[in-house]
N, C-alpha and C. Protein backbone atom coordinates (compact mmCIF):
# COMPACT_ATOMS: atom_id res chain seq x y z
N MET A 1 16.65 -1.20 4.65
CA MET A 1 15.18 -1.69 3.64
C MET A 1 14.45 -0.38 3.05
N SER A 2 14.46 -0.58 1.59
CA SER A 2 13.92 0.54 1.00
C SER A 2 12.39 0.53 1.16
N GLN A 3 11.62 1.87 0.85
CA GLN A 3 10.17 1.90 1.17
C GLN A 3 9.46 0.66 0.51
N ASN A 4 9.59 0.65 -1.00
CA ASN A 4 8.97 -0.27 -1.76
C ASN A 4 9.11 -1.81 -0.75
N ALA A 5 9.96 -1.98 -0.53
CA ALA A 5 10.56 -3.36 0.26
C ALA A 5 9.60 -3.55 1.59
N ALA A 6 9.39 -2.41 2.39
CA ALA A 6 8.89 -2.28 3.66
C ALA A 6 7.07 -2.49 3.28
N ILE A 7 7.06 -1.53 2.25
CA ILE A 7 5.59 -1.94 2.11
C ILE A 7 5.08 -3.25 1.57
N LEU A 8 5.81 -3.80 0.67
CA LEU A 8 5.90 -5.14 -0.03
C LEU A 8 5.65 -6.16 1.11
N LYS A 9 6.50 -6.22 2.23
CA LYS A 9 6.69 -7.07 3.37
C LYS A 9 5.40 -6.85 4.26
N ARG A 10 4.71 -5.63 4.34
CA ARG A 10 3.53 -5.34 4.83
C ARG A 10 2.45 -6.24 4.18
N LEU A 11 2.59 -5.62 2.88
CA LEU A 11 1.10 -6.52 1.95
C LEU A 11 1.09 -7.76 1.95
N ARG A 12 2.32 -8.53 1.66
CA ARG A 12 2.66 -9.88 1.64
C ARG A 12 2.30 -10.66 3.04
N ALA A 13 2.27 -9.67 4.04
CA ALA A 13 1.82 -10.47 5.57
C ALA A 13 0.25 -10.47 5.56
N GLY A 14 -0.33 -9.93 4.60
CA GLY A 14 -1.83 -9.67 4.55
C GLY A 14 -2.18 -8.44 5.40
N GLN A 15 -1.39 -7.57 5.59
CA GLN A 15 -1.55 -6.55 6.35
C GLN A 15 -1.94 -5.13 5.48
N PRO A 16 -3.00 -4.72 5.42
CA PRO A 16 -3.42 -3.57 4.56
C PRO A 16 -2.41 -2.36 4.86
N ILE A 17 -2.48 -1.32 4.07
CA ILE A 17 -1.79 -0.05 4.38
C ILE A 17 -2.50 0.97 3.88
N THR A 18 -2.74 1.94 4.68
CA THR A 18 -3.06 3.29 4.48
C THR A 18 -1.98 4.25 4.21
N GLN A 19 -2.36 5.81 3.93
CA GLN A 19 -1.55 6.76 3.86
C GLN A 19 -0.85 7.07 5.42
N MET A 20 -1.75 7.10 6.20
CA MET A 20 -1.47 7.46 7.73
C MET A 20 -0.73 6.55 8.31
N ALA A 21 -1.29 5.21 7.98
CA ALA A 21 -0.10 4.12 8.72
C ALA A 21 0.90 4.02 8.17
N ALA A 22 1.46 4.58 6.88
CA ALA A 22 2.55 4.45 6.16
C ALA A 22 3.67 5.68 6.83
N ALA A 23 2.77 6.69 6.75
CA ALA A 23 3.69 7.88 7.49
C ALA A 23 3.91 7.53 8.95
N ARG A 24 3.21 7.14 9.41
CA ARG A 24 3.24 6.77 11.17
C ARG A 24 4.07 5.79 11.26
N LEU A 25 4.24 4.74 10.76
CA LEU A 25 5.00 3.47 10.57
C LEU A 25 6.25 3.48 10.41
N MET A 26 6.18 3.96 9.00
CA MET A 26 7.52 3.78 8.33
C MET A 26 8.10 5.02 7.73
N GLY A 27 7.33 6.23 7.99
CA GLY A 27 7.65 7.57 7.46
C GLY A 27 7.93 7.66 6.12
N ILE A 28 7.00 7.08 5.31
CA ILE A 28 6.68 7.02 3.86
C ILE A 28 5.61 8.14 3.74
N TRP A 29 5.54 9.02 2.99
CA TRP A 29 4.84 9.98 2.75
C TRP A 29 4.02 10.10 1.37
N ARG A 30 4.48 9.35 0.65
CA ARG A 30 4.10 9.38 -0.64
C ARG A 30 3.68 7.59 -0.97
N LEU A 31 2.94 7.26 -0.54
CA LEU A 31 2.42 5.95 -0.47
C LEU A 31 2.12 5.76 -1.95
N GLY A 32 1.19 6.42 -2.44
CA GLY A 32 0.44 6.22 -3.93
C GLY A 32 1.69 6.08 -4.75
N ALA A 33 2.47 6.63 -4.60
CA ALA A 33 3.83 6.61 -5.73
C ALA A 33 4.55 5.12 -5.45
N ARG A 34 4.67 4.93 -4.30
CA ARG A 34 5.28 3.65 -4.15
C ARG A 34 4.50 2.49 -4.56
N VAL A 35 3.13 2.48 -4.32
CA VAL A 35 2.34 1.55 -4.81
C VAL A 35 2.47 1.45 -6.42
N TYR A 36 2.38 2.40 -6.76
CA TYR A 36 2.47 2.60 -8.42
C TYR A 36 3.84 1.97 -8.79
N ASP A 37 4.79 2.06 -8.27
CA ASP A 37 5.88 1.48 -8.35
C ASP A 37 6.12 0.03 -8.41
N LEU A 38 5.31 -0.23 -7.45
CA LEU A 38 5.28 -1.77 -7.14
C LEU A 38 4.28 -2.70 -8.23
N ARG A 39 3.26 -1.62 -8.62
CA ARG A 39 2.35 -2.36 -9.56
C ARG A 39 3.18 -2.37 -11.32
N GLN A 40 4.17 -1.46 -11.23
CA GLN A 40 4.85 -1.29 -12.44
C GLN A 40 5.93 -2.52 -12.48
N GLN A 41 6.33 -3.15 -11.42
CA GLN A 41 7.22 -4.12 -11.20
C GLN A 41 6.10 -5.77 -11.24
N GLY A 42 5.01 -5.73 -11.27
CA GLY A 42 4.15 -6.70 -11.56
C GLY A 42 3.44 -7.25 -10.40
N TRP A 43 3.36 -6.44 -9.50
CA TRP A 43 2.70 -6.87 -7.94
C TRP A 43 1.29 -6.57 -8.33
N SER A 44 0.53 -7.44 -7.74
CA SER A 44 -1.30 -7.09 -7.78
C SER A 44 -1.23 -6.61 -6.69
N ILE A 45 -1.65 -5.06 -6.65
CA ILE A 45 -2.01 -4.55 -5.16
C ILE A 45 -3.46 -4.10 -5.84
N THR A 46 -4.48 -4.10 -4.89
CA THR A 46 -5.86 -3.53 -4.80
C THR A 46 -5.80 -2.09 -4.10
N THR A 47 -6.89 -1.41 -4.38
CA THR A 47 -7.32 -0.38 -3.90
C THR A 47 -8.73 -0.41 -3.33
N LYS A 48 -8.96 -0.04 -2.23
CA LYS A 48 -10.29 0.14 -1.66
C LYS A 48 -10.36 1.42 -1.08
N MET A 49 -11.19 2.15 -1.68
CA MET A 49 -11.80 3.92 -1.07
C MET A 49 -12.61 3.50 0.09
N ILE A 50 -12.12 4.25 1.09
CA ILE A 50 -12.93 4.40 2.21
C ILE A 50 -13.20 5.82 2.62
N ARG A 51 -14.50 6.00 2.92
CA ARG A 51 -14.81 7.18 3.67
C ARG A 51 -15.51 7.16 4.82
N ARG A 52 -14.85 8.00 6.00
CA ARG A 52 -15.46 8.15 7.22
C ARG A 52 -15.12 9.56 7.50
N ALA A 53 -16.17 9.73 8.47
CA ALA A 53 -16.16 11.65 8.88
C ALA A 53 -16.13 12.45 7.58
N GLY A 54 -16.69 12.21 6.41
CA GLY A 54 -16.72 12.99 5.56
C GLY A 54 -15.27 13.15 4.98
N ARG A 55 -14.40 12.20 4.86
CA ARG A 55 -13.09 12.26 4.28
C ARG A 55 -12.93 10.90 3.68
N SER A 56 -12.09 10.79 2.49
CA SER A 56 -11.85 9.63 1.84
C SER A 56 -10.42 9.35 1.64
N TYR A 57 -10.03 8.09 1.60
CA TYR A 57 -8.70 7.70 1.90
C TYR A 57 -8.45 6.26 1.09
N ALA A 58 -7.44 5.87 0.63
CA ALA A 58 -7.44 4.73 -0.15
C ALA A 58 -6.61 3.58 1.01
N GLU A 59 -6.93 2.49 0.51
CA GLU A 59 -6.42 1.42 1.99
C GLU A 59 -5.90 0.12 0.39
N TYR A 60 -4.64 -0.21 0.74
CA TYR A 60 -4.19 -0.73 -0.19
C TYR A 60 -3.69 -2.23 0.39
N ARG A 61 -4.26 -3.26 -0.58
CA ARG A 61 -3.79 -4.71 0.07
C ARG A 61 -3.56 -5.33 -1.31
N MET A 62 -2.63 -6.60 -0.87
CA MET A 62 -2.32 -7.43 -1.83
C MET A 62 -3.44 -8.02 -2.55
N GLY A 63 -3.41 -7.89 -4.01
CA GLY A 63 -4.21 -8.93 -4.70
C GLY A 63 -4.18 -10.12 -4.78
N THR A 64 -5.06 -10.93 -5.67
CA THR A 64 -5.15 -12.04 -5.39
C THR A 64 -3.86 -13.11 -6.22
N GLY A 65 -3.55 -12.27 -7.29
CA GLY A 65 -2.27 -12.98 -7.97
C GLY A 65 -1.02 -11.96 -7.51
N GLU A 66 -0.24 -12.54 -6.91
CA GLU A 66 1.14 -11.89 -6.48
C GLU A 66 2.07 -11.85 -7.65
N LYS A 67 2.95 -11.26 -7.63
CA LYS A 67 3.78 -11.24 -8.72
C LYS A 67 4.07 -12.63 -9.25
N PRO A 68 3.84 -12.63 -10.66
CA PRO A 68 4.48 -14.21 -11.31
C PRO A 68 5.79 -14.49 -11.27
């Protein structure tokens, strides 16, 4: 399964994903680039910036309108 397919499977299941989760669970180190690829294909993916312990990171979720 490709990296994009693995990310898409998780997002379509309603599970958010962060860079740390992508690296730990799937070995994906450039999550932002893969999300960009999926958005270019027409998938609606939202980004929520989270700040904890003085650090910020992105959490990606499937948007309300999936691919047409």
